C-alpha atoms as a PDB file:
ATOM      1  CA  MET A   1      -0.068  -0.058  -0.128  1.00  0.00           C
ATOM      2  CA  ILE A   2       1.252   3.385  -0.987  1.00  0.00           C
ATOM      3  CA  SER A   3       1.604   5.790   1.788  1.00  0.00           C
ATOM      4  CA  ARG A   4       0.343   9.384   1.777  1.00  0.00           C
ATOM      5  CA  LEU A   5       3.897  10.851   1.776  1.00  0.00           C
ATOM      6  CA  GLU A   6       4.492   8.709  -1.362  1.00  0.00           C
ATOM      7  CA  LYS A   7       1.329   9.796  -3.146  1.00  0.00           C
ATOM      8  CA  ILE A   8       2.276  13.471  -2.530  1.00  0.00           C
ATOM      9  CA  LEU A   9       5.900  12.997  -3.831  1.00  0.00           C
ATOM     10  CA  SER A  10       4.667  11.179  -6.853  1.00  0.00           C
ATOM     11  CA  MET A  11       2.299  14.044  -7.612  1.00  0.00           C
ATOM     12  CA  LEU A  12       4.992  16.583  -7.201  1.00  0.00           C
ATOM     13  CA  GLU A  13       7.056  14.795  -9.791  1.00  0.00           C
ATOM     14  CA  ALA A  14       4.420  15.745 -12.225  1.00  0.00           C
ATOM     15  CA  ASP A  15       4.345  19.507 -11.181  1.00  0.00           C
ATOM     16  CA  PRO A  16       7.340  20.163  -8.710  1.00  0.00           C
ATOM     17  CA  ARG A  17       6.269  23.870  -8.332  1.00  0.00           C
ATOM     18  CA  ASP A  18       2.681  23.520  -7.454  1.00  0.00           C
ATOM     19  CA  PRO A  19       2.354  25.470  -4.195  1.00  0.00           C
ATOM     20  CA  PHE A  20      -0.546  23.382  -2.937  1.00  0.00           C
ATOM     21  CA  LEU A  21       1.286  20.212  -3.186  1.00  0.00           C
ATOM     22  CA  ARG A  22       4.353  21.593  -1.648  1.00  0.00           C
ATOM     23  CA  TYR A  23       2.296  23.012   1.221  1.00  0.00           C
ATOM     24  CA  THR A  24       0.591  19.533   1.584  1.00  0.00           C
ATOM     25  CA  LEU A  25       4.100  17.845   1.628  1.00  0.00           C
ATOM     26  CA  ALA A  26       5.098  20.304   4.467  1.00  0.00           C
ATOM     27  CA  MET A  27       1.932  19.305   6.547  1.00  0.00           C
ATOM     28  CA  GLU A  28       2.739  15.714   5.867  1.00  0.00           C
ATOM     29  CA  TYR A  29       6.169  16.105   7.187  1.00  0.00           C
ATOM     30  CA  ARG A  30       4.865  17.936  10.165  1.00  0.00           C
ATOM     31  CA  LYS A  31       2.409  15.055  10.830  1.00  0.00           C
ATOM     32  CA  LEU A  32       5.544  12.619  10.695  1.00  0.00           C
ATOM     33  CA  GLN A  33       7.286  14.821  13.170  1.00  0.00           C
ATOM     34  CA  GLN A  34      10.055  15.677  10.748  1.00  0.00           C
ATOM     35  CA  ASN A  35       9.879  19.477  11.603  1.00  0.00           C
ATOM     36  CA  GLU A  36      12.992  20.779   9.977  1.00  0.00           C
ATOM     37  CA  LYS A  37      11.786  19.497   6.487  1.00  0.00           C
ATOM     38  CA  SER A  38       8.245  20.860   7.093  1.00  0.00           C
ATOM     39  CA  LEU A  39       9.799  24.250   8.063  1.00  0.00           C
ATOM     40  CA  GLU A  40      12.157  24.228   5.073  1.00  0.00           C
ATOM     41  CA  LEU A  41       9.162  23.656   2.787  1.00  0.00           C
ATOM     42  CA  LEU A  42       7.112  26.260   4.345  1.00  0.00           C
ATOM     43  CA  THR A  43      10.030  28.843   4.214  1.00  0.00           C
ATOM     44  CA  GLU A  44      10.077  28.303   0.469  1.00  0.00           C
ATOM     45  CA  LEU A  45       6.476  28.973   0.111  1.00  0.00           C
ATOM     46  CA  THR A  46       6.840  32.205   2.155  1.00  0.00           C
ATOM     47  CA  ILE A  47       9.807  33.583   0.268  1.00  0.00           C
ATOM     48  CA  HIS A  48       9.796  32.231  -3.113  1.00  0.00           C
ATOM     49  CA  GLU A  49       6.260  32.057  -4.186  1.00  0.00           C
ATOM     50  CA  ASN A  50       4.615  35.055  -6.123  1.00  0.00           C
ATOM     51  CA  PRO A  51       2.162  35.666  -4.513  1.00  0.00           C
ATOM     52  CA  LYS A  52       3.560  34.167  -1.298  1.00  0.00           C
ATOM     53  CA  TYR A  53       1.417  31.280   0.049  1.00  0.00           C
ATOM     54  CA  VAL A  54      -0.131  32.916   3.141  1.00  0.00           C
ATOM     55  CA  ALA A  55      -1.338  29.726   4.831  1.00  0.00           C
ATOM     56  CA  ALA A  56       2.474  28.633   5.006  1.00  0.00           C
ATOM     57  CA  PHE A  57       3.203  31.658   7.355  1.00  0.00           C
ATOM     58  CA  PHE A  58       0.474  30.622   9.702  1.00  0.00           C
ATOM     59  CA  MET A  59       1.401  27.029   9.653  1.00  0.00           C
ATOM     60  CA  ALA A  60       5.133  27.759  10.060  1.00  0.00           C
ATOM     61  CA  ALA A  61       4.232  29.863  13.090  1.00  0.00           C
ATOM     62  CA  GLN A  62       2.200  27.196  14.829  1.00  0.00           C
ATOM     63  CA  GLN A  63       4.895  24.733  14.295  1.00  0.00           C
ATOM     64  CA  LEU A  64       7.417  27.060  15.592  1.00  0.00           C
ATOM     65  CA  VAL A  65       5.253  27.778  18.862  1.00  0.00           C
ATOM     66  CA  GLU A  66       5.112  23.916  19.384  1.00  0.00           C
ATOM     67  CA  LEU A  67       8.897  23.834  19.090  1.00  0.00           C
ATOM     68  CA  GLU A  68       9.203  26.840  21.615  1.00  0.00           C
ATOM     69  CA  ARG A  69      10.852  28.941  18.990  1.00  0.00           C
ATOM     70  CA  LEU A  70       8.813  31.959  19.683  1.00  0.00           C
ATOM     71  CA  GLU A  71      10.692  34.637  18.245  1.00  0.00           C
ATOM     72  CA  ASP A  72      10.958  32.888  14.983  1.00  0.00           C
ATOM     73  CA  ALA A  73       7.137  32.306  15.125  1.00  0.00           C
ATOM     74  CA  ARG A  74       6.596  36.158  15.930  1.00  0.00           C
ATOM     75  CA  SER A  75       8.644  36.923  12.822  1.00  0.00           C
ATOM     76  CA  TYR A  76       6.557  34.508  10.565  1.00  0.00           C
ATOM     77  CA  LEU A  77       3.449  35.947  12.023  1.00  0.00           C
ATOM     78  CA  ARG A  78       4.436  39.671  11.464  1.00  0.00           C
ATOM     79  CA  GLU A  79       5.400  38.919   7.735  1.00  0.00           C
ATOM     80  CA  GLY A  80       2.399  36.714   7.253  1.00  0.00           C
ATOM     81  CA  ILE A  81      -0.111  39.340   8.563  1.00  0.00           C
ATOM     82  CA  GLU A  82       1.650  41.824   6.214  1.00  0.00           C
ATOM     83  CA  GLU A  83       1.419  39.570   3.244  1.00  0.00           C
ATOM     84  CA  ALA A  84      -2.290  38.575   3.992  1.00  0.00           C
ATOM     85  CA  ARG A  85      -3.313  42.265   4.153  1.00  0.00           C
ATOM     86  CA  LEU A  86      -1.643  42.839   0.831  1.00  0.00           C
ATOM     87  CA  GLN A  87      -3.713  39.939  -0.611  1.00  0.00           C
ATOM     88  CA  ASN A  88      -6.903  41.212   1.055  1.00  0.00           C
ATOM     89  CA  ASN A  89      -7.087  37.937   3.020  1.00  0.00           C
ATOM     90  CA  HIS A  90      -8.617  39.419   6.211  1.00  0.00           C
ATOM     91  CA  HIS A  91      -9.462  35.966   7.608  1.00  0.00           C
ATOM     92  CA  ALA A  92      -5.761  34.812   7.514  1.00  0.00           C
ATOM     93  CA  ALA A  93      -4.690  38.171   8.815  1.00  0.00           C
ATOM     94  CA  ALA A  94      -6.905  38.028  11.894  1.00  0.00           C
ATOM     95  CA  GLU A  95      -6.020  34.395  12.570  1.00  0.00           C
ATOM     96  CA  MET A  96      -2.288  35.281  12.609  1.00  0.00           C
ATOM     97  CA  SER A  97      -2.836  38.449  14.707  1.00  0.00           C
ATOM     98  CA  GLU A  98      -4.828  36.398  17.189  1.00  0.00           C
ATOM     99  CA  LEU A  99      -1.864  33.848  17.543  1.00  0.00           C
ATOM    100  CA  LEU A 100       0.703  36.804  17.650  1.00  0.00           C
ATOM    101  CA  ALA A 101      -1.463  38.174  20.666  1.00  0.00           C
ATOM    102  CA  GLU A 102      -1.474  34.867  22.332  1.00  0.00           C
ATOM    103  CA  ILE A 103       2.277  34.450  22.257  1.00  0.00           C
ATOM    104  CA  GLY A 104       2.969  37.954  22.880  1.00  0.00           C
ATOM    105  CA  LYS A 105       4.621  40.630  20.736  1.00  0.00           C
ATOM    106  CA  GLU A 106       7.997  40.739  22.628  1.00  0.00           C
END
């Protein structure tokens, strides 16, 4: 039986630049507790995509909070809020603002 990870990797072979598939792969690595691989993929989506993949900012920040890397999480949240506002994604901006408030703005 083929694993979910193998399915995602197979789909990425056909379209390696697909941001949704890369995001899905990052979430799969997170589920498998391969945090560095997950964060690496999320970072690519927040830096190299045009437009930047807003959900990746939030997921990276959540993962960083879990890893107790709060300053890194705050950085992702601040950038993500700005990007979400640029894209008129008020829902995502509000969710990230809420998490930023929960962990403090230090």
